[in-house]
Amino acid sequence: MEDTCVKRPLPDCGDSEQKGTSEGFCPDWDACMPFGGRLYSRDGCVQFEASATAPADGVYDRVVVQGGCITGVAGQEVASYQPRPCTETPCDCGSGSGGGGSAEVSDDPANLITEDASGLLAKLYASGSGGISVSGNGTQSSPLRIQASAQTARGYVQAGNTGVSVTGAGTQSSPYEVSHKAGTGPANQTIAGMRFDEYGHLKSYTAPSDAGTVNGVVGRNGIEATTEAASGVVTLDLQETVHSVKGTYRLGGFDVDVDKYGRFQQIDREVSIAAGSRYFGAYLVGLDALGNITSVTDTTQDRTVVYHKASKRFTGDSASITFTTALVGNFRVTLHAASVTSASISIDGAGVTTDHGTDWAGALSNARYALGQHTVSVSGTFTGPGYLDVEIVTGY
């Protein structure tokens, strides 16, 4: 019989050729392999792609899974036991006859384990004395019982002061009784709102309602209160200042002695001057006998105040100048004229020694003139125009 099946071409999958079936080609697929490898099918050919970093041969105790595929493994060191040098080498598992042996018991004084013919024994020893008895062996069925003998325990109690009384024999039938004696304090009294019983115990307190009742004295604002315990007397005094103020101080024209409490102890007058007016710059200042300023006048508003020099021009045959000085000193007077035949200079009406030339005249006063208003005049035979100058100097 003739084969009527038509062979369909198959993909080349390497050296071998595979025949397809009548059902047609298989679809492409992928499957992950451990550690990043994969197995896949393309165009009917199955391919394997190995992992680039496959783990080394060995036994691992942890596995990493990602996306349903094993992607890694990890190992962990197995715990090991290193016996101490004094430990006997253990026998292999299953070896030995199960018979007896010997164990080395520590000779430490605190060790409770002993070895006898029957084996190892851990036993606790306890004993009592002085009225204390111990029974039992310390096991669960026979625990230790420590008991004191009531007949041997005895206490002694005595009063520490006369306000306490002690009665009884200290036994169960006659126990000790310690009592506070009555009448040893402010019995049944009320003092400053405090109520005391017959034993002197404070029982209650009621704040005093009488405004005249004084319960205490407190010093404030520089006042110090000191109470004498024996008499209950309160003494009030000034407190010492925080910063020391004791000393002598100049206040105006007086010296004031101050003690450590800030109190004036003595006042002495130390300044005494002639009352009057004095020039301080352009101001005329009034002073009293203690140096206190009584008035201040601005002299620049209504008069000429001379500090060092005054000058006036004249045109005729006489010259005079009136001015107010702000300095103390001698006057040096100079007259400059067109011609001078004779000249006489006076200060405040008193003549002074005068010198002159053909066109000048001059004088230097022997006296020093105080602050205030002065008039300088020149008389004689001279003609202007010219200038009359006055300087405040120190004469020699």
Protein backbone atom coordinates (compact mmCIF):
# COMPACT_ATOMS: atom_id res chain seq x y z
CA MET A 1 0.00 0.00 0.00
CA GLU A 2 1.37 3.35 -0.91
CA ASP A 3 2.21 5.81 1.96
CA THR A 4 0.11 8.87 1.34
CA CYS A 5 1.31 10.83 4.46
CA VAL A 6 3.14 13.98 3.61
CA LYS A 7 6.26 14.44 5.73
CA ARG A 8 6.51 17.94 7.16
CA PRO A 9 9.88 19.59 7.54
CA LEU A 10 11.36 19.50 11.04
CA PRO A 11 13.65 22.14 12.64
CA ASP A 12 17.35 21.46 12.85
CA CYS A 13 18.20 20.77 16.51
CA GLY A 14 21.82 19.96 16.08
CA ASP A 15 23.30 16.73 14.84
CA SER A 16 20.06 14.75 15.18
CA GLU A 17 16.89 15.12 13.26
CA GLN A 18 13.56 14.65 14.94
CA LYS A 19 10.36 13.74 13.24
CA GLY A 20 7.20 15.58 14.04
CA THR A 21 3.81 14.15 14.52
CA SER A 22 0.59 14.85 12.90
CA GLU A 23 -0.53 16.93 15.82
CA GLY A 24 1.76 19.81 14.68
CA PHE A 25 4.58 21.76 16.37
CA CYS A 26 4.91 22.17 20.19
CA PRO A 27 4.63 25.77 21.52
CA ASP A 28 7.73 27.53 22.91
CA TRP A 29 8.25 27.12 26.66
CA ASP A 30 10.72 27.96 29.45
CA ALA A 31 11.52 26.20 32.71
CA CYS A 32 13.91 27.48 35.33
CA MET A 33 16.72 25.29 36.53
CA PRO A 34 18.50 25.51 39.87
CA PHE A 35 20.96 28.31 40.52
CA GLY A 36 20.04 30.52 37.57
CA GLY A 37 20.05 27.89 34.80
CA ARG A 38 17.08 27.24 32.55
CA LEU A 39 15.63 24.71 30.12
CA TYR A 40 13.64 26.10 27.19
CA SER A 41 12.11 25.16 23.84
CA ARG A 42 12.34 27.26 20.68
CA ASP A 43 10.92 26.17 17.35
CA GLY A 44 10.63 22.63 18.60
CA CYS A 45 14.21 22.39 19.85
CA VAL A 46 14.92 21.91 23.59
CA GLN A 47 17.91 23.85 24.86
CA PHE A 48 19.69 23.92 28.27
CA GLU A 49 21.40 27.02 29.65
CA ALA A 50 23.61 26.26 32.62
CA SER A 51 24.17 28.60 35.60
CA ALA A 52 27.23 30.80 35.42
CA THR A 53 27.87 30.44 39.17
CA ALA A 54 26.78 26.98 40.24
CA PRO A 55 27.62 26.15 43.90
CA ALA A 56 30.45 23.77 44.73
CA ASP A 57 29.75 20.19 45.67
CA GLY A 58 28.81 19.79 49.29
CA VAL A 59 26.04 19.57 51.88
CA TYR A 60 24.03 22.73 52.57
CA ASP A 61 21.47 23.42 55.25
CA ARG A 62 19.71 26.46 53.77
CA VAL A 63 18.02 26.90 50.35
CA VAL A 64 16.99 30.20 48.72
CA VAL A 65 13.88 30.11 46.52
CA GLN A 66 12.88 33.00 44.26
CA GLY A 67 10.08 32.98 41.66
CA GLY A 68 9.43 29.29 42.32
CA CYS A 69 13.00 28.34 41.46
CA ILE A 70 15.99 27.53 43.67
CA THR A 71 18.40 30.41 43.22
CA GLY A 72 20.96 29.76 45.93
CA VAL A 73 22.12 27.66 48.85
CA ALA A 74 24.13 28.44 51.99
CA GLY A 75 25.93 26.36 54.56
CA GLN A 76 26.58 26.87 58.25
CA GLU A 77 29.45 25.51 60.28
CA VAL A 78 28.56 22.52 62.39
CA ALA A 79 28.89 23.22 66.11
CA SER A 80 31.84 21.42 67.65
CA TYR A 81 32.68 20.56 71.23
CA GLN A 82 36.20 20.84 72.56
CA PRO A 83 36.53 19.16 75.97
CA ARG A 84 38.63 20.73 78.66
CA PRO A 85 42.07 19.19 79.26
CA CYS A 86 40.88 17.69 82.56
CA THR A 87 37.83 16.01 81.00
CA GLU A 88 38.13 12.29 80.34
CA THR A 89 37.81 11.19 76.72
CA PRO A 90 34.23 10.02 76.23
CA CYS A 91 33.65 6.56 74.89
CA ASP A 92 32.07 5.89 71.53
CA CYS A 93 28.33 5.64 71.34
CA GLY A 94 27.19 2.12 72.11
CA SER A 95 30.46 1.06 73.66
CA GLY A 96 30.92 -0.03 77.23
CA SER A 97 29.29 -2.68 79.31
CA GLY A 98 27.09 -0.47 81.41
CA GLY A 99 29.01 -1.41 84.50
CA GLY A 100 30.22 0.89 87.30
CA GLY A 101 33.18 3.19 87.34
CA SER A 102 34.71 5.93 89.44
CA ALA A 103 34.26 9.72 89.39
CA GLU A 104 36.66 12.33 90.68
CA VAL A 105 35.00 14.43 93.44
CA SER A 106 36.12 18.05 93.86
CA ASP A 107 37.92 18.86 97.08
CA ASP A 108 36.46 22.40 97.17
CA PRO A 109 35.28 23.19 100.75
CA ALA A 110 31.88 24.29 99.38
CA ASN A 111 31.27 21.00 97.48
CA LEU A 112 28.24 19.04 98.80
CA ILE A 113 28.87 15.86 96.72
CA THR A 114 30.56 12.86 98.31
CA GLU A 115 31.24 9.31 97.08
CA ASP A 116 30.70 6.21 99.15
CA ALA A 117 30.15 2.52 98.47
CA SER A 118 26.64 3.15 97.18
CA GLY A 119 27.69 5.91 94.72
CA LEU A 120 27.69 9.71 94.61
CA LEU A 121 25.72 11.53 97.32
CA ALA A 122 24.80 15.25 97.62
CA LYS A 123 23.74 16.00 101.17
CA LEU A 124 23.12 19.20 103.14
CA TYR A 125 24.15 19.38 106.81
CA ALA A 126 22.62 21.93 109.22
CA SER A 127 22.62 22.21 112.99
CA GLY A 128 21.16 24.60 115.53
CA SER A 129 22.26 26.03 118.85
CA GLY A 130 21.22 28.63 121.40
CA GLY A 131 17.57 27.64 121.40
CA ILE A 132 17.42 26.89 117.65
CA SER A 133 16.66 23.32 116.49
CA VAL A 134 16.95 21.94 112.93
CA SER A 135 15.11 18.86 111.64
CA GLY A 136 14.63 17.19 108.21
CA ASN A 137 17.20 16.27 105.55
CA GLY A 138 16.41 19.02 103.00
CA THR A 139 14.57 16.79 100.50
CA GLN A 140 11.09 17.33 99.13
CA SER A 141 9.65 14.65 101.37
CA SER A 142 11.63 15.81 104.41
CA PRO A 143 12.39 19.54 104.16
CA LEU A 144 14.53 21.37 106.68
CA ARG A 145 12.60 22.76 109.64
CA ILE A 146 14.23 25.46 111.76
CA GLN A 147 12.48 26.18 115.05
CA ALA A 148 13.26 28.46 118.00
CA SER A 149 12.54 27.37 121.53
CA ALA A 150 10.17 29.89 123.14
CA GLN A 151 11.50 29.07 126.57
CA THR A 152 15.00 30.30 125.68
CA ALA A 153 13.98 33.60 123.90
CA ARG A 154 13.64 36.55 126.26
CA GLY A 155 13.67 40.33 125.82
CA TYR A 156 14.18 43.14 128.28
CA VAL A 157 12.45 46.55 128.13
CA GLN A 158 13.03 49.56 130.33
CA ALA A 159 11.88 53.18 130.29
CA GLY A 160 14.24 55.70 128.77
CA ASN A 161 12.91 58.68 130.73
CA THR A 162 10.50 59.52 133.55
CA GLY A 163 7.65 60.26 131.15
CA VAL A 164 7.29 56.57 130.20
CA SER A 165 6.29 53.60 132.40
CA VAL A 166 6.90 49.90 131.64
CA THR A 167 4.84 47.08 133.20
CA GLY A 168 4.52 43.30 132.62
CA ALA A 169 6.89 40.31 132.68
CA GLY A 170 7.34 39.93 128.94
CA THR A 171 5.50 36.60 128.76
CA GLN A 172 2.45 35.62 126.79
CA SER A 173 0.29 35.83 129.87
CA SER A 174 1.96 39.05 131.07
CA PRO A 175 3.29 41.03 128.08
CA TYR A 176 5.17 44.24 128.39
CA GLU A 177 3.07 47.42 128.41
CA VAL A 178 4.72 50.75 127.67
CA SER A 179 2.62 53.77 128.65
CA HIS A 180 3.05 57.50 128.53
CA LYS A 181 2.66 59.00 131.99
CA ALA A 182 -0.05 61.62 132.33
CA GLY A 183 0.76 65.16 133.43
CA THR A 184 4.20 65.32 131.80
CA GLY A 185 3.24 68.01 129.25
CA PRO A 186 0.86 70.94 128.83
CA ALA A 187 -2.01 68.71 129.92
CA ASN A 188 -5.50 69.63 128.68
CA GLN A 189 -4.47 73.06 127.49
CA THR A 190 -5.02 75.11 124.32
CA ILE A 191 -2.03 77.19 123.33
CA ALA A 192 -2.17 79.43 120.24
CA GLY A 193 -4.96 77.31 118.79
CA MET A 194 -3.24 73.98 119.59
CA ARG A 195 -5.13 71.56 121.88
CA PHE A 196 -3.05 69.16 124.05
CA ASP A 197 -4.36 66.13 126.00
CA GLU A 198 -3.36 64.98 129.49
CA TYR A 199 -0.23 63.32 128.05
CA GLY A 200 0.96 66.44 126.26
CA HIS A 201 -0.01 65.04 122.84
CA LEU A 202 -1.23 67.54 120.23
CA LYS A 203 -4.81 66.51 119.51
CA SER A 204 -6.15 69.35 117.31
CA TYR A 205 -5.48 72.82 115.97
CA THR A 206 -7.83 75.74 115.42
CA ALA A 207 -6.55 78.90 113.74
CA PRO A 208 -6.96 81.90 116.10
CA SER A 209 -9.78 84.22 115.06
CA ASP A 210 -8.79 87.14 117.30
CA ALA A 211 -6.97 89.78 115.20
CA GLY A 212 -5.09 90.96 118.30
CA THR A 213 -3.47 87.56 118.85
CA VAL A 214 0.26 87.59 118.11
CA ASN A 215 1.67 84.18 117.23
CA GLY A 216 5.08 85.32 116.06
CA VAL A 217 7.21 88.20 114.82
CA VAL A 218 8.98 88.10 111.46
CA GLY A 219 11.54 90.67 110.36
CA ARG A 220 11.39 92.03 106.79
CA ASN A 221 12.73 94.87 104.63
CA GLY A 222 15.92 95.40 106.58
CA ILE A 223 14.43 94.54 110.00
CA GLU A 224 15.85 91.52 111.83
CA ALA A 225 13.82 89.72 114.51
CA THR A 226 15.71 87.71 117.16
CA THR A 227 13.88 85.56 119.74
CA GLU A 228 15.48 84.66 123.06
CA ALA A 229 14.55 81.03 123.71
CA ALA A 230 14.60 81.26 127.49
CA SER A 231 12.31 84.28 127.86
CA GLY A 232 10.47 84.28 124.53
CA VAL A 233 11.28 87.98 124.09
CA VAL A 234 11.60 89.16 120.47
CA THR A 235 14.18 91.86 119.71
CA LEU A 236 13.94 93.90 116.52
CA ASP A 237 17.03 95.46 115.00
CA LEU A 238 18.27 96.72 111.65
CA GLN A 239 19.93 94.15 109.41
CA GLU A 240 23.39 94.79 108.06
CA THR A 241 23.35 95.93 104.47
CA VAL A 242 24.28 93.44 101.74
CA HIS A 243 27.07 95.75 100.56
CA SER A 244 29.16 97.54 103.16
CA VAL A 245 28.23 101.24 103.36
CA LYS A 246 30.15 102.15 106.49
CA GLY A 247 32.34 105.23 105.95
CA THR A 248 32.42 109.03 105.53
CA TYR A 249 30.80 110.60 102.47
CA ARG A 250 30.88 114.18 101.12
CA LEU A 251 27.34 115.38 100.42
CA GLY A 252 27.39 118.95 99.16
CA GLY A 253 29.20 121.00 101.79
CA PHE A 254 28.91 118.35 104.50
CA ASP A 255 30.80 115.18 105.51
CA VAL A 256 28.39 112.45 106.60
CA ASP A 257 29.47 109.42 108.71
CA VAL A 258 27.40 106.27 107.92
CA ASP A 259 27.43 103.08 110.04
CA LYS A 260 27.14 99.49 108.77
CA TYR A 261 23.35 99.68 108.94
CA GLY A 262 23.21 102.74 106.64
CA ARG A 263 22.33 105.17 109.45
CA PHE A 264 23.81 108.70 109.65
CA GLN A 265 25.98 108.93 112.76
CA GLN A 266 27.49 112.42 112.37
CA ILE A 267 27.23 115.37 109.97
CA ASP A 268 30.03 117.96 109.76
CA ARG A 269 30.05 121.13 107.64
CA GLU A 270 33.25 121.20 105.62
CA VAL A 271 32.59 123.84 102.91
CA SER A 272 32.25 127.57 103.54
CA ILE A 273 32.61 130.15 100.73
CA ALA A 274 31.59 133.75 100.17
CA ALA A 275 28.13 133.82 98.70
CA GLY A 276 27.82 135.57 95.34
CA SER A 277 27.93 135.15 91.61
CA ARG A 278 30.70 133.52 89.61
CA TYR A 279 31.25 133.19 85.90
CA PHE A 280 31.57 129.70 84.48
CA GLY A 281 32.18 130.23 80.81
CA ALA A 282 29.33 132.26 79.40
CA TYR A 283 27.13 131.62 82.44
CA LEU A 284 26.84 133.70 85.60
CA VAL A 285 26.26 131.25 88.46
CA GLY A 286 24.96 132.24 91.88
CA LEU A 287 26.41 130.34 94.85
CA ASP A 288 25.48 130.31 98.55
CA ALA A 289 27.88 129.90 101.48
CA LEU A 290 27.77 126.09 101.15
CA GLY A 291 28.66 126.13 97.48
CA ASN A 292 25.13 125.30 96.38
CA ILE A 293 24.06 126.79 93.05
CA THR A 294 21.21 129.23 93.54
CA SER A 295 20.91 130.63 90.01
CA VAL A 296 22.33 130.33 86.48
CA THR A 297 22.21 133.21 83.96
CA ASP A 298 23.19 133.00 80.28
CA THR A 299 25.21 136.23 79.87
CA THR A 300 25.65 135.88 76.13
CA GLN A 301 22.12 137.13 75.60
CA ASP A 302 22.38 140.68 76.98
CA ARG A 303 26.01 141.69 77.57
CA THR A 304 29.57 141.31 76.34
CA VAL A 305 31.53 138.64 78.17
CA VAL A 306 35.29 138.83 77.82
CA TYR A 307 37.40 135.73 78.24
CA HIS A 308 40.82 137.01 77.12
CA LYS A 309 40.59 140.36 75.25
CA ALA A 310 38.28 143.34 74.61
CA SER A 311 38.69 146.03 71.94
CA LYS A 312 36.91 149.30 70.98
CA ARG A 313 37.44 151.90 68.19
CA PHE A 314 37.32 155.64 68.93
CA THR A 315 37.45 158.71 66.67
CA GLY A 316 37.71 161.71 69.04
CA ASP A 317 40.09 162.74 71.81
CA SER A 318 38.77 160.38 74.52
CA ALA A 319 38.36 156.59 74.80
CA SER A 320 36.50 154.36 77.26
CA ILE A 321 35.37 150.73 77.27
CA THR A 322 33.12 148.82 79.69
CA PHE A 323 33.02 145.00 79.65
CA THR A 324 32.34 141.96 81.78
CA THR A 325 35.13 139.44 82.38
CA ALA A 326 34.83 135.70 82.67
CA LEU A 327 38.42 135.24 83.86
CA VAL A 328 40.46 136.51 86.79
CA GLY A 329 43.74 138.30 86.04
CA ASN A 330 45.70 141.52 85.48
CA PHE A 331 44.65 144.01 82.81
CA ARG A 332 47.04 145.08 80.03
CA VAL A 333 45.67 148.25 78.37
CA THR A 334 46.95 149.57 75.01
CA LEU A 335 45.86 152.75 73.18
CA HIS A 336 46.69 153.20 69.50
CA ALA A 337 45.92 156.74 68.16
CA ALA A 338 46.87 159.03 65.27
CA SER A 339 48.95 161.10 67.72
CA VAL A 340 49.49 161.00 71.49
CA THR A 341 50.82 164.00 73.43
CA SER A 342 49.84 162.80 76.92
CA ALA A 343 47.68 159.95 78.30
CA SER A 344 46.43 158.67 81.66
CA ILE A 345 44.73 155.26 82.04
CA SER A 346 42.30 154.34 84.86
CA ILE A 347 40.57 151.03 85.70
CA ASP A 348 37.23 151.27 87.49
CA GLY A 349 38.07 154.96 88.31
CA ALA A 350 41.53 154.18 89.78
CA GLY A 351 44.58 155.37 87.85
CA VAL A 352 47.40 153.05 86.93
CA THR A 353 50.95 153.80 85.82
CA THR A 354 50.81 154.77 82.15
CA ASP A 355 53.49 154.87 79.45
CA HIS A 356 53.07 156.50 76.01
CA GLY A 357 54.77 157.29 72.74
CA THR A 358 53.88 159.55 69.81
CA ASP A 359 51.03 157.34 68.70
CA TRP A 360 50.43 154.98 71.60
CA ALA A 361 49.83 154.67 75.33
CA GLY A 362 49.83 151.61 77.57
CA ALA A 363 49.60 150.27 81.14
CA LEU A 364 49.85 146.94 83.03
CA SER A 365 47.90 146.80 86.30
CA ASN A 366 49.53 145.50 89.41
CA ALA A 367 46.16 144.35 90.71
CA ARG A 368 44.26 141.27 89.64
CA TYR A 369 40.61 141.83 88.90
CA ALA A 370 37.83 139.42 89.77
CA LEU A 371 35.04 138.19 87.58
CA GLY A 372 32.46 140.80 86.75
CA GLN A 373 31.97 144.17 85.04
CA HIS A 374 34.87 146.61 84.67
CA THR A 375 35.44 150.01 82.95
CA VAL A 376 38.75 151.13 81.43
CA SER A 377 39.16 154.84 80.48
CA VAL A 378 41.96 156.88 78.87
CA SER A 379 42.24 160.70 79.26
CA GLY A 380 44.88 163.18 78.07
CA THR A 381 45.84 164.80 74.75
CA PHE A 382 45.53 162.45 71.80
CA THR A 383 43.56 162.33 68.58
CA GLY A 384 41.77 159.57 66.77
CA PRO A 385 40.90 157.57 64.98
CA GLY A 386 42.39 154.77 67.06
CA TYR A 387 41.75 151.58 69.12
CA LEU A 388 41.60 150.89 72.84
CA ASP A 389 42.55 147.23 73.63
CA VAL A 390 42.31 145.46 76.99
CA GLU A 391 43.81 141.97 77.62
CA ILE A 392 43.43 139.79 80.68
CA VAL A 393 46.91 138.55 81.56
CA THR A 394 49.03 137.48 84.49
CA GLY A 395 51.19 140.42 85.60
CA TYR A 396 54.83 140.20 86.66
